[in-house]
Amino acid sequence: MGNPVVHFEVMGKDIALLQNFYKAAFDWELQSVMPTYTLAKPGGQGGINGGIGTPMPGGPTHVTFYVEVPDLAAALAKVEQLGAKKVMGPMDIPGGPTIGMFTDPEGHIIGLTGARPQ
């Protein structure tokens, strides 16, 4: 069985503009968790939660998704062997998962998250 997509992010320059747009366009429930990041809960059957925020200082704006993997460090090493470049991680998110990010061979930013305890 493959690894599931478990989270998405929309990272841009104007968080208020993005929050207002996605709320109005799709009626997403939004919950601010810090000045630069808001959780987005699209709801609906089979939907995944995500976030809207600003990128890390100096980082690019982007839209990405996170894939859950059983071993984050091993997954980052594997994608690097396949031609990806590690961007960050593993990094523990306070009160959340451990995450990492890489760019695929064409430069798309993809996130990884460690498997959640059952």
N, C-alpha and C. Protein backbone atom coordinates (compact mmCIF):
# COMPACT_ATOMS: atom_id res chain seq x y z
N MET A 1 0.85 -1.19 0.00
CA MET A 1 0.00 0.00 0.00
C MET A 1 0.89 1.23 0.00
N GLY A 2 0.51 2.24 -0.77
CA GLY A 2 1.29 3.47 -0.87
C GLY A 2 1.15 4.37 0.34
N ASN A 3 1.91 5.44 0.32
CA ASN A 3 1.86 6.42 1.40
C ASN A 3 0.81 7.48 1.08
N PRO A 4 -0.08 7.80 2.04
CA PRO A 4 -1.18 8.74 1.77
C PRO A 4 -0.74 10.20 1.80
N VAL A 5 -1.42 11.03 1.00
CA VAL A 5 -1.29 12.48 1.11
C VAL A 5 -2.15 12.89 2.30
N VAL A 6 -1.54 13.59 3.28
CA VAL A 6 -2.23 13.87 4.53
C VAL A 6 -2.39 15.36 4.85
N HIS A 7 -1.79 16.25 4.06
CA HIS A 7 -1.84 17.68 4.38
C HIS A 7 -1.47 18.45 3.13
N PHE A 8 -2.00 19.66 2.98
CA PHE A 8 -1.59 20.54 1.89
C PHE A 8 -1.29 21.91 2.46
N GLU A 9 -0.56 22.73 1.71
CA GLU A 9 -0.27 24.10 2.12
C GLU A 9 -0.33 25.04 0.93
N VAL A 10 -0.82 26.24 1.19
CA VAL A 10 -0.78 27.34 0.25
C VAL A 10 0.02 28.43 0.95
N MET A 11 1.24 28.67 0.48
CA MET A 11 2.13 29.63 1.13
C MET A 11 2.33 30.82 0.20
N GLY A 12 1.95 32.02 0.67
CA GLY A 12 2.03 33.20 -0.17
C GLY A 12 2.46 34.44 0.58
N LYS A 13 2.52 35.53 -0.13
CA LYS A 13 3.01 36.79 0.43
C LYS A 13 1.99 37.48 1.33
N ASP A 14 0.69 37.37 1.01
CA ASP A 14 -0.36 38.09 1.74
C ASP A 14 -1.33 37.08 2.36
N ILE A 15 -1.06 36.69 3.61
CA ILE A 15 -1.86 35.63 4.27
C ILE A 15 -3.33 36.04 4.40
N ALA A 16 -3.61 37.30 4.70
CA ALA A 16 -5.01 37.74 4.85
C ALA A 16 -5.75 37.62 3.52
N LEU A 17 -5.10 38.00 2.44
CA LEU A 17 -5.71 37.88 1.11
C LEU A 17 -6.03 36.42 0.80
N LEU A 18 -5.08 35.53 1.07
CA LEU A 18 -5.29 34.10 0.80
C LEU A 18 -6.37 33.51 1.70
N GLN A 19 -6.37 33.88 2.97
CA GLN A 19 -7.41 33.40 3.89
C GLN A 19 -8.79 33.80 3.38
N ASN A 20 -8.95 35.07 3.06
CA ASN A 20 -10.24 35.58 2.59
C ASN A 20 -10.66 34.90 1.29
N PHE A 21 -9.72 34.71 0.37
CA PHE A 21 -10.03 34.08 -0.90
C PHE A 21 -10.52 32.64 -0.70
N TYR A 22 -9.76 31.81 0.01
CA TYR A 22 -10.13 30.40 0.15
C TYR A 22 -11.39 30.21 0.99
N LYS A 23 -11.60 31.08 1.97
CA LYS A 23 -12.84 31.01 2.76
C LYS A 23 -14.04 31.33 1.87
N ALA A 24 -13.93 32.41 1.09
CA ALA A 24 -15.04 32.81 0.22
C ALA A 24 -15.26 31.82 -0.93
N ALA A 25 -14.18 31.34 -1.51
CA ALA A 25 -14.29 30.46 -2.68
C ALA A 25 -14.83 29.08 -2.32
N PHE A 26 -14.39 28.53 -1.18
CA PHE A 26 -14.70 27.14 -0.86
C PHE A 26 -15.35 26.93 0.50
N ASP A 27 -15.62 28.03 1.24
CA ASP A 27 -16.25 27.95 2.56
C ASP A 27 -15.45 27.09 3.53
N TRP A 28 -14.12 27.19 3.45
CA TRP A 28 -13.26 26.44 4.36
C TRP A 28 -13.32 27.06 5.76
N GLU A 29 -13.28 26.21 6.78
CA GLU A 29 -13.14 26.66 8.16
C GLU A 29 -11.66 26.96 8.39
N LEU A 30 -11.37 28.16 8.91
CA LEU A 30 -9.98 28.56 9.13
C LEU A 30 -9.74 28.80 10.61
N GLN A 31 -8.56 28.38 11.09
CA GLN A 31 -8.20 28.55 12.49
C GLN A 31 -6.76 29.05 12.56
N SER A 32 -6.57 30.29 12.98
CA SER A 32 -5.23 30.85 13.09
C SER A 32 -4.48 30.17 14.22
N VAL A 33 -3.28 29.70 13.93
CA VAL A 33 -2.46 29.05 14.97
C VAL A 33 -1.21 29.85 15.29
N MET A 34 -0.88 30.82 14.44
CA MET A 34 0.22 31.76 14.66
C MET A 34 0.06 32.88 13.64
N PRO A 35 0.73 34.00 13.82
CA PRO A 35 0.52 35.12 12.89
C PRO A 35 0.80 34.78 11.42
N THR A 36 1.66 33.79 11.17
CA THR A 36 2.04 33.48 9.80
C THR A 36 1.46 32.16 9.29
N TYR A 37 0.52 31.55 10.05
CA TYR A 37 -0.01 30.25 9.62
C TYR A 37 -1.41 30.02 10.16
N THR A 38 -2.29 29.57 9.28
CA THR A 38 -3.67 29.28 9.60
C THR A 38 -4.00 27.87 9.14
N LEU A 39 -4.62 27.07 10.00
CA LEU A 39 -5.08 25.76 9.58
C LEU A 39 -6.33 25.92 8.73
N ALA A 40 -6.42 25.15 7.67
CA ALA A 40 -7.58 25.15 6.78
C ALA A 40 -8.24 23.78 6.87
N LYS A 41 -9.53 23.79 7.17
CA LYS A 41 -10.29 22.54 7.30
C LYS A 41 -11.40 22.56 6.26
N PRO A 42 -11.12 21.99 5.08
CA PRO A 42 -12.12 22.00 4.02
C PRO A 42 -13.37 21.21 4.36
N GLY A 43 -13.23 20.18 5.21
CA GLY A 43 -14.38 19.36 5.54
C GLY A 43 -14.78 18.49 4.37
N GLY A 44 -15.94 17.94 4.46
CA GLY A 44 -16.41 17.08 3.39
C GLY A 44 -15.85 15.68 3.52
N GLN A 45 -16.47 14.77 2.80
CA GLN A 45 -16.09 13.37 2.87
C GLN A 45 -14.79 13.15 2.11
N GLY A 46 -13.81 12.58 2.78
CA GLY A 46 -12.55 12.23 2.14
C GLY A 46 -11.57 13.37 1.97
N GLY A 47 -11.94 14.59 2.39
CA GLY A 47 -11.03 15.72 2.25
C GLY A 47 -9.92 15.68 3.27
N ILE A 48 -8.81 16.33 2.96
CA ILE A 48 -7.70 16.43 3.91
C ILE A 48 -7.59 17.88 4.37
N ASN A 49 -7.07 18.07 5.56
CA ASN A 49 -6.84 19.41 6.10
C ASN A 49 -5.53 19.96 5.57
N GLY A 50 -5.37 21.26 5.70
CA GLY A 50 -4.16 21.89 5.22
C GLY A 50 -3.86 23.16 5.97
N GLY A 51 -3.13 24.03 5.33
CA GLY A 51 -2.75 25.29 5.95
C GLY A 51 -2.55 26.38 4.92
N ILE A 52 -2.70 27.63 5.37
CA ILE A 52 -2.46 28.82 4.57
C ILE A 52 -1.49 29.66 5.37
N GLY A 53 -0.41 30.09 4.74
CA GLY A 53 0.57 30.87 5.50
C GLY A 53 1.55 31.59 4.62
N THR A 54 2.55 32.15 5.27
CA THR A 54 3.65 32.79 4.56
C THR A 54 4.86 31.87 4.62
N PRO A 55 5.69 31.87 3.57
CA PRO A 55 6.85 30.98 3.56
C PRO A 55 7.90 31.41 4.59
N MET A 56 8.84 30.50 4.84
CA MET A 56 9.96 30.84 5.71
C MET A 56 10.70 32.04 5.12
N PRO A 57 11.35 32.87 5.94
CA PRO A 57 12.05 34.04 5.41
C PRO A 57 13.00 33.64 4.27
N GLY A 58 12.84 34.32 3.15
CA GLY A 58 13.66 34.04 1.98
C GLY A 58 13.16 32.88 1.15
N GLY A 59 12.16 32.16 1.65
CA GLY A 59 11.63 31.01 0.92
C GLY A 59 10.63 31.43 -0.14
N PRO A 60 10.42 30.56 -1.13
CA PRO A 60 9.49 30.90 -2.20
C PRO A 60 8.03 30.69 -1.80
N THR A 61 7.15 31.42 -2.44
CA THR A 61 5.73 31.11 -2.30
C THR A 61 5.49 29.81 -3.06
N HIS A 62 4.53 29.01 -2.60
CA HIS A 62 4.29 27.73 -3.26
C HIS A 62 3.01 27.09 -2.76
N VAL A 63 2.56 26.11 -3.49
CA VAL A 63 1.48 25.23 -3.06
C VAL A 63 2.09 23.84 -3.04
N THR A 64 1.88 23.12 -1.96
CA THR A 64 2.49 21.79 -1.85
C THR A 64 1.56 20.84 -1.13
N PHE A 65 1.94 19.59 -1.12
CA PHE A 65 1.23 18.58 -0.36
C PHE A 65 2.25 17.78 0.44
N TYR A 66 1.75 17.14 1.52
CA TYR A 66 2.60 16.35 2.41
C TYR A 66 2.20 14.88 2.32
N VAL A 67 3.21 14.02 2.18
CA VAL A 67 3.01 12.59 2.13
C VAL A 67 3.46 11.99 3.46
N GLU A 68 2.64 11.15 4.05
CA GLU A 68 2.99 10.48 5.30
C GLU A 68 3.86 9.27 5.01
N VAL A 69 5.00 9.19 5.72
CA VAL A 69 5.93 8.08 5.53
C VAL A 69 6.28 7.47 6.89
N PRO A 70 6.61 6.18 6.93
CA PRO A 70 6.90 5.56 8.21
C PRO A 70 8.22 6.02 8.84
N ASP A 71 9.21 6.39 8.02
CA ASP A 71 10.52 6.80 8.52
C ASP A 71 10.95 8.03 7.72
N LEU A 72 10.82 9.21 8.33
CA LEU A 72 11.07 10.46 7.63
C LEU A 72 12.52 10.59 7.15
N ALA A 73 13.48 10.30 8.01
CA ALA A 73 14.89 10.41 7.62
C ALA A 73 15.20 9.47 6.46
N ALA A 74 14.69 8.25 6.51
CA ALA A 74 14.93 7.29 5.44
C ALA A 74 14.28 7.76 4.14
N ALA A 75 13.08 8.33 4.23
CA ALA A 75 12.39 8.80 3.03
C ALA A 75 13.14 9.97 2.40
N LEU A 76 13.66 10.90 3.22
CA LEU A 76 14.45 12.01 2.68
C LEU A 76 15.70 11.48 1.99
N ALA A 77 16.36 10.51 2.60
CA ALA A 77 17.56 9.92 1.99
C ALA A 77 17.21 9.25 0.66
N LYS A 78 16.09 8.55 0.62
CA LYS A 78 15.68 7.85 -0.60
C LYS A 78 15.40 8.82 -1.73
N VAL A 79 14.64 9.90 -1.46
CA VAL A 79 14.32 10.84 -2.54
C VAL A 79 15.58 11.54 -3.04
N GLU A 80 16.55 11.77 -2.15
CA GLU A 80 17.81 12.37 -2.59
C GLU A 80 18.55 11.42 -3.54
N GLN A 81 18.52 10.13 -3.24
CA GLN A 81 19.16 9.13 -4.12
C GLN A 81 18.47 9.10 -5.49
N LEU A 82 17.19 9.48 -5.52
CA LEU A 82 16.42 9.46 -6.77
C LEU A 82 16.50 10.79 -7.54
N GLY A 83 17.31 11.74 -7.05
CA GLY A 83 17.49 12.99 -7.77
C GLY A 83 16.85 14.20 -7.15
N ALA A 84 16.20 14.05 -6.00
CA ALA A 84 15.60 15.20 -5.31
C ALA A 84 16.66 15.92 -4.49
N LYS A 85 16.32 17.11 -4.04
CA LYS A 85 17.21 17.88 -3.15
C LYS A 85 16.45 18.20 -1.86
N LYS A 86 17.04 17.86 -0.72
CA LYS A 86 16.42 18.15 0.58
C LYS A 86 16.40 19.66 0.79
N VAL A 87 15.23 20.16 1.22
CA VAL A 87 15.06 21.58 1.53
C VAL A 87 15.16 21.80 3.03
N MET A 88 14.56 20.90 3.81
CA MET A 88 14.60 21.02 5.27
C MET A 88 14.21 19.71 5.92
N GLY A 89 14.57 19.60 7.18
CA GLY A 89 14.12 18.49 8.01
C GLY A 89 15.14 17.37 8.11
N PRO A 90 14.76 16.44 8.93
CA PRO A 90 13.56 16.37 9.75
C PRO A 90 13.51 17.48 10.80
N MET A 91 12.29 18.02 11.01
CA MET A 91 12.08 19.10 11.97
C MET A 91 10.80 18.79 12.75
N ASP A 92 10.90 18.85 14.08
CA ASP A 92 9.73 18.63 14.93
C ASP A 92 8.90 19.90 15.00
N ILE A 93 7.61 19.78 14.74
CA ILE A 93 6.67 20.90 14.87
C ILE A 93 6.08 20.84 16.28
N PRO A 94 6.18 21.92 17.08
CA PRO A 94 5.64 21.89 18.43
C PRO A 94 4.16 21.49 18.43
N GLY A 95 3.84 20.45 19.16
CA GLY A 95 2.47 19.96 19.23
C GLY A 95 2.00 19.27 17.97
N GLY A 96 2.90 19.01 17.04
CA GLY A 96 2.52 18.41 15.77
C GLY A 96 3.49 17.33 15.34
N PRO A 97 3.52 17.07 14.06
CA PRO A 97 4.35 15.98 13.55
C PRO A 97 5.80 16.43 13.30
N THR A 98 6.61 15.50 12.89
CA THR A 98 7.94 15.78 12.37
C THR A 98 7.80 15.90 10.86
N ILE A 99 8.38 16.96 10.28
CA ILE A 99 8.23 17.17 8.85
C ILE A 99 9.58 17.33 8.17
N GLY A 100 9.56 17.20 6.88
CA GLY A 100 10.71 17.46 6.02
C GLY A 100 10.18 17.94 4.68
N MET A 101 11.04 18.57 3.90
CA MET A 101 10.65 19.02 2.57
C MET A 101 11.79 18.77 1.60
N PHE A 102 11.42 18.54 0.34
CA PHE A 102 12.42 18.37 -0.71
C PHE A 102 11.88 18.96 -2.00
N THR A 103 12.78 19.19 -2.96
CA THR A 103 12.35 19.55 -4.30
C THR A 103 12.55 18.33 -5.18
N ASP A 104 11.55 18.05 -6.00
CA ASP A 104 11.66 16.92 -6.91
C ASP A 104 12.63 17.28 -8.04
N PRO A 105 12.90 16.36 -8.96
CA PRO A 105 13.87 16.64 -10.01
C PRO A 105 13.55 17.86 -10.89
N GLU A 106 12.29 18.33 -10.90
CA GLU A 106 11.94 19.53 -11.65
C GLU A 106 11.81 20.76 -10.76
N GLY A 107 12.10 20.62 -9.46
CA GLY A 107 12.09 21.77 -8.55
C GLY A 107 10.80 22.01 -7.80
N HIS A 108 9.81 21.11 -7.88
CA HIS A 108 8.57 21.26 -7.12
C HIS A 108 8.81 20.93 -5.65
N ILE A 109 8.29 21.74 -4.75
CA ILE A 109 8.46 21.51 -3.31
C ILE A 109 7.41 20.50 -2.85
N ILE A 110 7.87 19.44 -2.22
CA ILE A 110 6.99 18.38 -1.69
C ILE A 110 7.33 18.21 -0.22
N GLY A 111 6.30 18.01 0.60
CA GLY A 111 6.50 17.80 2.04
C GLY A 111 6.34 16.35 2.42
N LEU A 112 7.02 15.97 3.49
CA LEU A 112 6.90 14.65 4.10
C LEU A 112 6.56 14.84 5.56
N THR A 113 5.79 13.95 6.10
CA THR A 113 5.50 13.95 7.53
C THR A 113 5.67 12.54 8.06
N GLY A 114 6.23 12.43 9.24
CA GLY A 114 6.38 11.12 9.85
C GLY A 114 5.04 10.52 10.17
N ALA A 115 4.98 9.20 10.16
CA ALA A 115 3.73 8.50 10.45
C ALA A 115 3.25 8.86 11.85
N ARG A 116 1.95 9.06 11.97
CA ARG A 116 1.35 9.38 13.26
C ARG A 116 1.18 8.09 14.07
N PRO A 117 1.39 8.16 15.39
CA PRO A 117 1.18 6.97 16.21
C PRO A 117 -0.27 6.50 16.11
N GLN A 118 -0.45 5.20 16.10
CA GLN A 118 -1.79 4.62 15.99
C GLN A 118 -2.49 4.60 17.32
